[in-house]
Amino acid sequence: MEYQKERRALEKKYEELYQPAYAVREKVINNTMAPDLTAEEEEMLPKELVDAADGEDNGIEGFWLQALGQLEEIADYIAEDDVPLLLKVRQ
């Protein structure tokens, strides 16, 4: 029982520490904030991605579909009917 209380206290502590990073991630994904990339990170971006953006800021289109689709445990459960809905997920 003591272990569970201590674990929950640690989880709560780290949830609070991660919250600012989650808030920034949400803003970048939804295009309410530009990502803060270093010159080195910008050089690592594929040229096709940079050309496709061409000054348009639309957030990261299909972020959650891509993220969930790359998880082996979840990808098999994503059906064709789910794709349009997952493309609209913002948070």
Protein backbone atom coordinates (compact mmCIF):
# COMPACT_ATOMS: atom_id res chain seq x y z
CA MET A 1 0.00 0.00 0.00
CA GLU A 2 2.84 2.39 0.85
CA TYR A 3 4.49 1.60 -2.48
CA GLN A 4 1.33 2.60 -4.37
CA LYS A 5 1.11 5.93 -2.51
CA GLU A 6 4.76 6.74 -3.22
CA ARG A 7 4.41 5.70 -6.85
CA ARG A 8 1.33 7.88 -7.32
CA ALA A 9 3.12 10.83 -5.70
CA LEU A 10 6.03 10.40 -8.12
CA GLU A 11 3.69 10.07 -11.09
CA LYS A 12 1.89 13.26 -10.07
CA LYS A 13 5.19 15.09 -9.63
CA TYR A 14 6.39 14.15 -13.10
CA GLU A 15 3.01 14.83 -14.71
CA GLU A 16 3.32 18.39 -13.45
CA LEU A 17 6.91 18.64 -14.71
CA TYR A 18 5.93 17.38 -18.19
CA GLN A 19 2.88 19.63 -18.51
CA PRO A 20 4.78 22.62 -20.02
CA ALA A 21 6.32 20.35 -22.67
CA TYR A 22 2.91 18.87 -23.46
CA ALA A 23 1.44 22.37 -23.81
CA VAL A 24 4.17 23.36 -26.28
CA ARG A 25 3.72 20.11 -28.23
CA GLU A 26 -0.02 20.74 -28.52
CA LYS A 27 0.57 24.27 -29.83
CA VAL A 28 3.09 23.07 -32.43
CA ILE A 29 0.85 20.21 -33.59
CA ASN A 30 -2.15 22.55 -33.91
CA ASN A 31 -0.13 25.38 -35.48
CA THR A 32 -0.71 27.97 -32.80
CA MET A 33 3.05 28.17 -32.22
CA ALA A 34 6.00 27.67 -34.57
CA PRO A 35 8.48 25.00 -33.52
CA ASP A 36 11.69 26.37 -32.05
CA LEU A 37 14.30 24.51 -34.11
CA THR A 38 18.01 25.03 -34.07
CA ALA A 39 19.82 25.52 -37.39
CA GLU A 40 21.13 21.96 -37.09
CA GLU A 41 17.61 20.58 -36.58
CA GLU A 42 16.31 22.55 -39.56
CA GLU A 43 19.06 21.07 -41.74
CA MET A 44 17.92 17.58 -40.73
CA LEU A 45 14.40 18.16 -42.13
CA PRO A 46 13.76 16.43 -45.45
CA LYS A 47 13.80 18.85 -48.39
CA GLU A 48 10.38 17.61 -49.51
CA LEU A 49 8.90 18.61 -46.16
CA VAL A 50 10.38 22.09 -46.33
CA ASP A 51 9.23 22.55 -49.94
CA ALA A 52 5.72 21.30 -49.11
CA ALA A 53 5.36 23.78 -46.24
CA ASP A 54 6.42 26.71 -48.47
CA GLY A 55 5.43 29.31 -45.91
CA GLU A 56 2.15 27.65 -44.97
CA ASP A 57 1.67 26.87 -41.33
CA ASN A 58 -0.90 24.12 -40.96
CA GLY A 59 0.43 22.35 -37.93
CA ILE A 60 1.42 18.73 -38.33
CA GLU A 61 -1.20 17.21 -40.58
CA GLY A 62 -2.24 13.74 -39.48
CA PHE A 63 0.09 13.76 -36.47
CA TRP A 64 -1.98 11.37 -34.35
CA LEU A 65 -2.70 9.04 -37.26
CA GLN A 66 1.03 8.81 -37.94
CA ALA A 67 1.95 8.45 -34.27
CA LEU A 68 -0.61 5.75 -33.55
CA GLY A 69 0.05 4.01 -36.85
CA GLN A 70 3.69 3.52 -35.90
CA LEU A 71 2.84 1.67 -32.71
CA GLU A 72 2.70 -2.04 -33.49
CA GLU A 73 0.29 -2.67 -30.62
CA ILE A 74 -2.23 -0.18 -32.01
CA ALA A 75 -1.64 -0.02 -35.77
CA ASP A 76 -3.44 -3.31 -36.44
CA TYR A 77 -6.61 -1.89 -34.89
CA ILE A 78 -6.75 1.20 -37.13
CA ALA A 79 -9.34 0.52 -39.82
CA GLU A 80 -9.89 2.45 -43.06
CA ASP A 81 -12.98 4.04 -41.52
CA ASP A 82 -10.84 5.39 -38.67
CA VAL A 83 -8.44 7.32 -40.90
CA PRO A 84 -10.66 10.37 -41.64
CA LEU A 85 -11.45 10.71 -37.94
CA LEU A 86 -7.83 10.36 -36.84
CA LEU A 87 -6.84 13.04 -39.35
CA LYS A 88 -9.13 15.46 -37.50
CA VAL A 89 -7.86 14.74 -33.98
CA ARG A 90 -6.13 17.81 -32.57
CA GLN A 91 -5.33 16.95 -28.96
